[in-house]
Structures are given as C-alpha cells and as structure tokens.
Amino acid sequence: MKVKYSLKPVVPAILLGMVLSIPAFAQDQPAIQSMHQAGEKIEQAGSDTAAAAKDAYHGTERAVKDTAITAKVKTALARDKNVSSSGIHVDTVAGVVTLKGSVPSPEMAQQAAQLAEQTEGVKSVNNQLLVITSANAD
C-alpha cells in the first residue's frame, strides 16, 4: 500500500505562520537597537572611566613631583648662607615655583630666585618676594 502525502494543506499553514511572525520580528528590531545603544553607552562609560583614572593618576603624579620640587627648593634656601629662608614661602604647581614672603634686600630676593631656578625639575620661577628694609619698616 502506497501512501501519498500532499503538501497543499501544509504550504498555506507555513505561509500563515510566517506572516503572523513578521510583527514579532519587527518588534525585536527596536529591542536589538536598544540593546546595541546600551552596549555603546556602557562602552563609552568604560572609556570615560579609564580616561578619568588616567587623569587622576597623572594629576597625583604631578602633585608628588611638585611636592618634591618644593622640598628641594626649601632645602636649597635653608642651606644657603646668604639667604634667610624663614620669611620665604615656596609653592610649586606643574613645575612652576612661586616664591612669596619678605626678604631684607634685593640681593637676597635675587639669590633665592636663582637657587630655585637651579633646582632640578623647576620649569620657571615666579618671584613675588617683597624687599622690606629697616627703612621700609618705619
């Protein structure tokens, strides 16, 4: 006995199933786009976090270097017999040393600036030292 199968009733059922599934696939497209956008945002956030960490590291590294430069300048001023460093405040930002305070002579202000300029790591010196002589104090 030979059984014959006909595809005629099956083909419309397959076509109907495909037609009914199209809206489901169409609805998945926005979901796929949303997931893609979310992935891009996560990737951007990771990149931003890495950049922020790198900036923080370099900022900390620069601050440590500036602190070391300030210490070296203060040591040089304290060791110099021609400079009274007690009235001199030293501050360093990005390798630029600022000298503030008062000294008794223009020569001492110049010597202090020269010592700072000769210190390793110093890019420039902003000499804001005021010369206060005994005549100015009266």
N, C-alpha and C. Protein backbone atom coordinates (compact mmCIF):
# COMPACT_ATOMS: atom_id res chain seq x y z
N MET A 1 0.83 -1.15 0.00
CA MET A 1 0.00 0.00 0.00
C MET A 1 0.89 1.23 0.00
N LYS A 2 0.62 2.05 -0.91
CA LYS A 2 1.40 3.25 -1.11
C LYS A 2 0.61 4.45 -0.58
N VAL A 3 1.28 5.23 0.33
CA VAL A 3 0.61 6.40 0.91
C VAL A 3 1.17 7.62 0.23
N LYS A 4 0.28 8.44 -0.19
CA LYS A 4 0.67 9.66 -0.87
C LYS A 4 0.41 10.85 0.06
N TYR A 5 1.43 11.69 0.20
CA TYR A 5 1.27 12.88 1.03
C TYR A 5 1.14 14.09 0.12
N SER A 6 0.33 14.98 0.52
CA SER A 6 0.15 16.20 -0.26
C SER A 6 0.62 17.39 0.57
N LEU A 7 1.39 18.24 -0.07
CA LEU A 7 1.89 19.45 0.61
C LEU A 7 0.91 20.61 0.51
N LYS A 8 -0.14 20.43 -0.23
CA LYS A 8 -1.09 21.52 -0.43
C LYS A 8 -1.65 22.07 0.88
N PRO A 9 -2.07 21.28 1.86
CA PRO A 9 -2.58 21.89 3.08
C PRO A 9 -1.48 22.46 3.97
N VAL A 10 -0.25 21.96 3.83
CA VAL A 10 0.84 22.39 4.69
C VAL A 10 1.37 23.76 4.25
N VAL A 11 1.47 24.02 2.97
CA VAL A 11 2.05 25.26 2.46
C VAL A 11 1.28 26.47 2.97
N PRO A 12 -0.05 26.52 2.92
CA PRO A 12 -0.74 27.69 3.46
C PRO A 12 -0.51 27.86 4.96
N ALA A 13 -0.38 26.79 5.68
CA ALA A 13 -0.14 26.88 7.13
C ALA A 13 1.23 27.49 7.40
N ILE A 14 2.23 27.10 6.61
CA ILE A 14 3.58 27.66 6.76
C ILE A 14 3.58 29.15 6.43
N LEU A 15 2.92 29.48 5.32
CA LEU A 15 2.84 30.89 4.92
C LEU A 15 2.12 31.72 5.98
N LEU A 16 1.04 31.19 6.51
CA LEU A 16 0.30 31.91 7.55
C LEU A 16 1.17 32.11 8.79
N GLY A 17 1.91 31.10 9.17
CA GLY A 17 2.81 31.21 10.31
C GLY A 17 3.89 32.27 10.09
N MET A 18 4.42 32.32 8.86
CA MET A 18 5.46 33.32 8.55
C MET A 18 4.88 34.73 8.59
N VAL A 19 3.67 34.90 8.03
CA VAL A 19 3.04 36.21 8.02
C VAL A 19 2.75 36.67 9.45
N LEU A 20 2.27 35.75 10.27
CA LEU A 20 1.97 36.12 11.65
C LEU A 20 3.23 36.41 12.47
N SER A 21 4.37 35.85 12.09
CA SER A 21 5.61 36.07 12.85
C SER A 21 6.32 37.36 12.45
N ILE A 22 5.98 37.96 11.34
CA ILE A 22 6.64 39.20 10.90
C ILE A 22 6.51 40.31 11.94
N PRO A 23 5.32 40.55 12.51
CA PRO A 23 5.25 41.60 13.53
C PRO A 23 6.15 41.31 14.75
N ALA A 24 6.29 40.05 15.09
CA ALA A 24 7.15 39.70 16.22
C ALA A 24 8.60 40.05 15.90
N PHE A 25 9.04 39.76 14.68
CA PHE A 25 10.41 40.12 14.29
C PHE A 25 10.58 41.63 14.20
N ALA A 26 9.53 42.33 13.73
CA ALA A 26 9.58 43.78 13.63
C ALA A 26 9.69 44.41 15.02
N GLN A 27 9.03 43.81 16.01
CA GLN A 27 9.11 44.33 17.37
C GLN A 27 10.48 44.10 17.96
N ASP A 28 11.17 43.05 17.56
CA ASP A 28 12.50 42.77 18.08
C ASP A 28 13.53 43.77 17.57
N GLN A 29 13.30 44.38 16.44
CA GLN A 29 14.27 45.33 15.88
C GLN A 29 14.54 46.49 16.84
N PRO A 30 13.50 47.17 17.38
CA PRO A 30 13.79 48.23 18.35
C PRO A 30 14.51 47.68 19.59
N ALA A 31 14.17 46.48 20.00
CA ALA A 31 14.85 45.89 21.16
C ALA A 31 16.32 45.66 20.84
N ILE A 32 16.61 45.20 19.65
CA ILE A 32 18.01 45.00 19.24
C ILE A 32 18.74 46.33 19.20
N GLN A 33 18.06 47.36 18.66
CA GLN A 33 18.68 48.68 18.61
C GLN A 33 18.93 49.22 20.02
N SER A 34 17.95 49.02 20.90
CA SER A 34 18.11 49.48 22.28
C SER A 34 19.28 48.78 22.96
N MET A 35 19.39 47.47 22.73
CA MET A 35 20.49 46.72 23.32
C MET A 35 21.82 47.19 22.74
N HIS A 36 21.84 47.49 21.45
CA HIS A 36 23.08 47.97 20.82
C HIS A 36 23.46 49.34 21.40
N GLN A 37 22.46 50.22 21.54
CA GLN A 37 22.72 51.54 22.12
C GLN A 37 23.20 51.43 23.57
N ALA A 38 22.58 50.52 24.31
CA ALA A 38 23.01 50.32 25.70
C ALA A 38 24.44 49.82 25.75
N GLY A 39 24.78 48.92 24.84
CA GLY A 39 26.16 48.42 24.77
C GLY A 39 27.15 49.52 24.45
N GLU A 40 26.76 50.41 23.51
CA GLU A 40 27.63 51.54 23.17
C GLU A 40 27.81 52.49 24.36
N LYS A 41 26.71 52.71 25.10
CA LYS A 41 26.79 53.59 26.27
C LYS A 41 27.68 52.99 27.36
N ILE A 42 27.58 51.69 27.55
CA ILE A 42 28.43 51.02 28.54
C ILE A 42 29.89 51.11 28.11
N GLU A 43 30.12 50.92 26.82
CA GLU A 43 31.50 51.01 26.31
C GLU A 43 32.04 52.43 26.50
N GLN A 44 31.22 53.45 26.22
CA GLN A 44 31.63 54.84 26.40
C GLN A 44 31.90 55.15 27.87
N ALA A 45 31.04 54.63 28.74
CA ALA A 45 31.23 54.84 30.18
C ALA A 45 32.54 54.21 30.64
N GLY A 46 32.83 53.03 30.13
CA GLY A 46 34.11 52.39 30.47
C GLY A 46 35.29 53.19 29.98
N SER A 47 35.17 53.72 28.77
CA SER A 47 36.24 54.55 28.21
C SER A 47 36.42 55.83 29.02
N ASP A 48 35.28 56.46 29.40
CA ASP A 48 35.35 57.69 30.22
C ASP A 48 35.98 57.41 31.58
N THR A 49 35.63 56.26 32.17
CA THR A 49 36.20 55.89 33.47
C THR A 49 37.70 55.68 33.36
N ALA A 50 38.13 55.03 32.29
CA ALA A 50 39.56 54.80 32.09
C ALA A 50 40.29 56.14 31.91
N ALA A 51 39.69 57.05 31.15
CA ALA A 51 40.31 58.36 30.95
C ALA A 51 40.39 59.14 32.27
N ALA A 52 39.33 59.06 33.07
CA ALA A 52 39.33 59.75 34.36
C ALA A 52 40.39 59.17 35.29
N ALA A 53 40.53 57.86 35.29
CA ALA A 53 41.56 57.22 36.12
C ALA A 53 42.95 57.64 35.67
N LYS A 54 43.15 57.72 34.37
CA LYS A 54 44.45 58.13 33.83
C LYS A 54 44.75 59.59 34.22
N ASP A 55 43.72 60.46 34.10
CA ASP A 55 43.90 61.86 34.51
C ASP A 55 44.20 61.97 36.00
N ALA A 56 43.51 61.20 36.81
CA ALA A 56 43.76 61.23 38.25
C ALA A 56 45.18 60.76 38.56
N TYR A 57 45.62 59.72 37.86
CA TYR A 57 46.98 59.21 38.07
C TYR A 57 47.99 60.29 37.73
N HIS A 58 47.83 60.92 36.56
CA HIS A 58 48.79 61.95 36.15
C HIS A 58 48.74 63.16 37.06
N GLY A 59 47.55 63.52 37.54
CA GLY A 59 47.43 64.63 38.48
C GLY A 59 48.13 64.32 39.79
N THR A 60 47.97 63.10 40.27
CA THR A 60 48.64 62.68 41.50
C THR A 60 50.14 62.64 41.30
N GLU A 61 50.56 62.11 40.16
CA GLU A 61 51.99 62.04 39.85
C GLU A 61 52.60 63.45 39.82
N ARG A 62 51.90 64.40 39.19
CA ARG A 62 52.38 65.79 39.11
C ARG A 62 52.45 66.40 40.51
N ALA A 63 51.44 66.13 41.34
CA ALA A 63 51.43 66.68 42.71
C ALA A 63 52.60 66.15 43.52
N VAL A 64 52.92 64.88 43.36
CA VAL A 64 54.06 64.30 44.07
C VAL A 64 55.36 64.95 43.59
N LYS A 65 55.48 65.15 42.29
CA LYS A 65 56.69 65.80 41.74
C LYS A 65 56.79 67.23 42.25
N ASP A 66 55.66 67.95 42.27
CA ASP A 66 55.67 69.34 42.75
C ASP A 66 56.06 69.40 44.22
N THR A 67 55.58 68.47 45.01
CA THR A 67 55.94 68.43 46.43
C THR A 67 57.44 68.20 46.60
N ALA A 68 58.00 67.31 45.78
CA ALA A 68 59.44 67.05 45.84
C ALA A 68 60.24 68.28 45.43
N ILE A 69 59.78 68.99 44.41
CA ILE A 69 60.47 70.21 43.96
C ILE A 69 60.42 71.25 45.07
N THR A 70 59.25 71.43 45.69
CA THR A 70 59.13 72.40 46.79
C THR A 70 60.11 72.08 47.91
N ALA A 71 60.21 70.80 48.26
CA ALA A 71 61.14 70.39 49.32
C ALA A 71 62.59 70.67 48.94
N LYS A 72 62.94 70.41 47.67
CA LYS A 72 64.32 70.67 47.21
C LYS A 72 64.64 72.16 47.25
N VAL A 73 63.68 73.00 46.83
CA VAL A 73 63.91 74.45 46.83
C VAL A 73 64.06 74.94 48.27
N LYS A 74 63.19 74.48 49.16
CA LYS A 74 63.29 74.90 50.57
C LYS A 74 64.63 74.47 51.18
N THR A 75 65.09 73.27 50.82
CA THR A 75 66.39 72.79 51.32
C THR A 75 67.51 73.66 50.80
N ALA A 76 67.45 73.99 49.50
CA ALA A 76 68.50 74.85 48.91
C ALA A 76 68.51 76.22 49.57
N LEU A 77 67.35 76.77 49.84
CA LEU A 77 67.27 78.09 50.50
C LEU A 77 67.81 78.01 51.93
N ALA A 78 67.48 76.95 52.64
CA ALA A 78 67.93 76.80 54.02
C ALA A 78 69.44 76.62 54.11
N ARG A 79 70.02 75.95 53.13
CA ARG A 79 71.48 75.68 53.14
C ARG A 79 72.31 76.88 52.72
N ASP A 80 71.72 77.81 52.01
CA ASP A 80 72.48 78.96 51.51
C ASP A 80 72.68 79.97 52.64
N LYS A 81 73.92 80.33 52.88
CA LYS A 81 74.26 81.24 53.98
C LYS A 81 73.85 82.68 53.69
N ASN A 82 73.63 82.99 52.40
CA ASN A 82 73.28 84.36 52.03
C ASN A 82 71.77 84.60 51.99
N VAL A 83 71.00 83.55 52.25
CA VAL A 83 69.55 83.68 52.18
C VAL A 83 68.95 83.31 53.54
N SER A 84 68.09 84.19 54.02
CA SER A 84 67.33 83.88 55.23
C SER A 84 65.98 83.35 54.76
N SER A 85 65.83 82.03 54.79
CA SER A 85 64.64 81.41 54.21
C SER A 85 63.42 81.46 55.13
N SER A 86 63.57 82.00 56.33
CA SER A 86 62.46 81.97 57.28
C SER A 86 61.26 82.79 56.80
N GLY A 87 61.49 83.80 56.00
CA GLY A 87 60.37 84.62 55.53
C GLY A 87 59.92 84.28 54.13
N ILE A 88 60.43 83.18 53.58
CA ILE A 88 60.12 82.82 52.20
C ILE A 88 59.18 81.61 52.16
N HIS A 89 58.06 81.79 51.49
CA HIS A 89 57.11 80.69 51.28
C HIS A 89 57.30 80.17 49.85
N VAL A 90 57.41 78.85 49.71
CA VAL A 90 57.63 78.23 48.41
C VAL A 90 56.40 77.39 48.04
N ASP A 91 55.92 77.59 46.82
CA ASP A 91 54.79 76.81 46.30
C ASP A 91 55.13 76.39 44.88
N THR A 92 54.78 75.15 44.52
CA THR A 92 55.08 74.63 43.19
C THR A 92 53.82 74.06 42.57
N VAL A 93 53.54 74.48 41.34
CA VAL A 93 52.42 73.94 40.57
C VAL A 93 52.91 73.66 39.16
N ALA A 94 52.85 72.38 38.78
CA ALA A 94 53.26 71.94 37.45
C ALA A 94 54.69 72.37 37.12
N GLY A 95 55.56 72.34 38.13
CA GLY A 95 56.96 72.67 37.92
C GLY A 95 57.29 74.15 38.00
N VAL A 96 56.27 74.99 38.17
CA VAL A 96 56.49 76.43 38.29
C VAL A 96 56.52 76.78 39.78
N VAL A 97 57.67 77.29 40.23
CA VAL A 97 57.87 77.63 41.63
C VAL A 97 57.51 79.10 41.86
N THR A 98 56.71 79.34 42.88
CA THR A 98 56.37 80.71 43.28
C THR A 98 56.98 80.97 44.64
N LEU A 99 57.74 82.05 44.70
CA LEU A 99 58.36 82.48 45.96
C LEU A 99 57.58 83.69 46.47
N LYS A 100 57.09 83.61 47.71
CA LYS A 100 56.35 84.71 48.33
C LYS A 100 56.95 84.97 49.70
N GLY A 101 56.70 86.14 50.18
CA GLY A 101 57.19 86.50 51.51
C GLY A 101 58.02 87.77 51.44
N SER A 102 58.82 87.96 52.47
CA SER A 102 59.63 89.17 52.53
C SER A 102 61.08 88.82 52.84
N VAL A 103 61.98 89.61 52.26
CA VAL A 103 63.42 89.47 52.48
C VAL A 103 63.98 90.87 52.74
N PRO A 104 65.15 90.94 53.39
CA PRO A 104 65.69 92.25 53.75
C PRO A 104 66.44 92.98 52.64
N SER A 105 66.71 92.31 51.50
CA SER A 105 67.47 93.01 50.45
C SER A 105 67.10 92.47 49.06
N PRO A 106 67.29 93.31 48.02
CA PRO A 106 67.05 92.86 46.66
C PRO A 106 67.99 91.71 46.27
N GLU A 107 69.21 91.75 46.81
CA GLU A 107 70.19 90.70 46.51
C GLU A 107 69.70 89.33 47.03
N MET A 108 69.09 89.36 48.21
CA MET A 108 68.59 88.11 48.78
C MET A 108 67.41 87.58 47.95
N ALA A 109 66.56 88.46 47.48
CA ALA A 109 65.43 88.05 46.63
C ALA A 109 65.95 87.44 45.34
N GLN A 110 66.98 88.05 44.77
CA GLN A 110 67.58 87.55 43.54
C GLN A 110 68.26 86.20 43.77
N GLN A 111 68.98 86.08 44.89
CA GLN A 111 69.66 84.82 45.22
C GLN A 111 68.65 83.69 45.43
N ALA A 112 67.56 84.00 46.10
CA ALA A 112 66.52 82.99 46.34
C ALA A 112 65.93 82.51 45.01
N ALA A 113 65.65 83.44 44.12
CA ALA A 113 65.11 83.08 42.81
C ALA A 113 66.11 82.25 42.01
N GLN A 114 67.38 82.61 42.09
CA GLN A 114 68.42 81.87 41.37
C GLN A 114 68.55 80.44 41.91
N LEU A 115 68.51 80.30 43.23
CA LEU A 115 68.57 78.96 43.83
C LEU A 115 67.38 78.11 43.37
N ALA A 116 66.20 78.71 43.33
CA ALA A 116 65.02 77.98 42.89
C ALA A 116 65.15 77.57 41.42
N GLU A 117 65.63 78.47 40.58
CA GLU A 117 65.80 78.18 39.15
C GLU A 117 66.77 77.03 38.91
N GLN A 118 67.77 76.92 39.76
CA GLN A 118 68.80 75.89 39.60
C GLN A 118 68.38 74.52 40.15
N THR A 119 67.23 74.47 40.78
CA THR A 119 66.75 73.23 41.38
C THR A 119 66.21 72.31 40.29
N GLU A 120 66.57 71.03 40.39
CA GLU A 120 66.12 70.04 39.41
C GLU A 120 64.60 69.95 39.37
N GLY A 121 64.05 69.96 38.16
CA GLY A 121 62.61 69.83 37.97
C GLY A 121 61.87 71.14 37.84
N VAL A 122 62.53 72.26 38.17
CA VAL A 122 61.88 73.57 38.11
C VAL A 122 61.83 74.04 36.66
N LYS A 123 60.63 74.37 36.20
CA LYS A 123 60.46 74.88 34.83
C LYS A 123 60.64 76.39 34.78
N SER A 124 60.13 77.07 35.79
CA SER A 124 60.29 78.52 35.88
C SER A 124 60.03 78.96 37.31
N VAL A 125 60.41 80.22 37.59
CA VAL A 125 60.23 80.77 38.94
C VAL A 125 59.45 82.07 38.84
N ASN A 126 58.43 82.18 39.67
CA ASN A 126 57.64 83.39 39.80
C ASN A 126 58.05 84.03 41.12
N ASN A 127 58.93 85.01 41.04
CA ASN A 127 59.50 85.64 42.23
C ASN A 127 58.59 86.79 42.68
N GLN A 128 57.84 86.55 43.74
CA GLN A 128 56.96 87.57 44.31
C GLN A 128 57.46 88.04 45.67
N LEU A 129 58.76 87.90 45.92
CA LEU A 129 59.33 88.30 47.20
C LEU A 129 59.33 89.82 47.32
N LEU A 130 58.95 90.29 48.48
CA LEU A 130 58.97 91.72 48.77
C LEU A 130 60.23 92.06 49.55
N VAL A 131 60.89 93.13 49.15
CA VAL A 131 62.07 93.57 49.87
C VAL A 131 61.62 94.58 50.92
N ILE A 132 61.85 94.21 52.17
CA ILE A 132 61.47 95.07 53.28
C ILE A 132 62.74 95.37 54.07
N THR A 133 63.21 96.59 53.95
CA THR A 133 64.40 97.02 54.68
C THR A 133 63.95 97.69 55.96
N SER A 134 64.89 97.96 56.81
CA SER A 134 64.54 98.63 58.08
C SER A 134 63.98 100.02 57.80
N ALA A 135 64.37 100.66 56.70
CA ALA A 135 63.82 101.96 56.34
C ALA A 135 62.35 101.83 55.94
N ASN A 136 62.01 100.69 55.28
CA ASN A 136 60.62 100.46 54.88
C ASN A 136 59.75 100.11 56.08
N ALA A 137 60.34 99.52 57.09
CA ALA A 137 59.56 99.09 58.26
C ALA A 137 59.11 100.26 59.11
N ASP A 138 59.81 101.39 59.04
CA ASP A 138 59.47 102.56 59.85
C ASP A 138 58.22 103.24 59.44
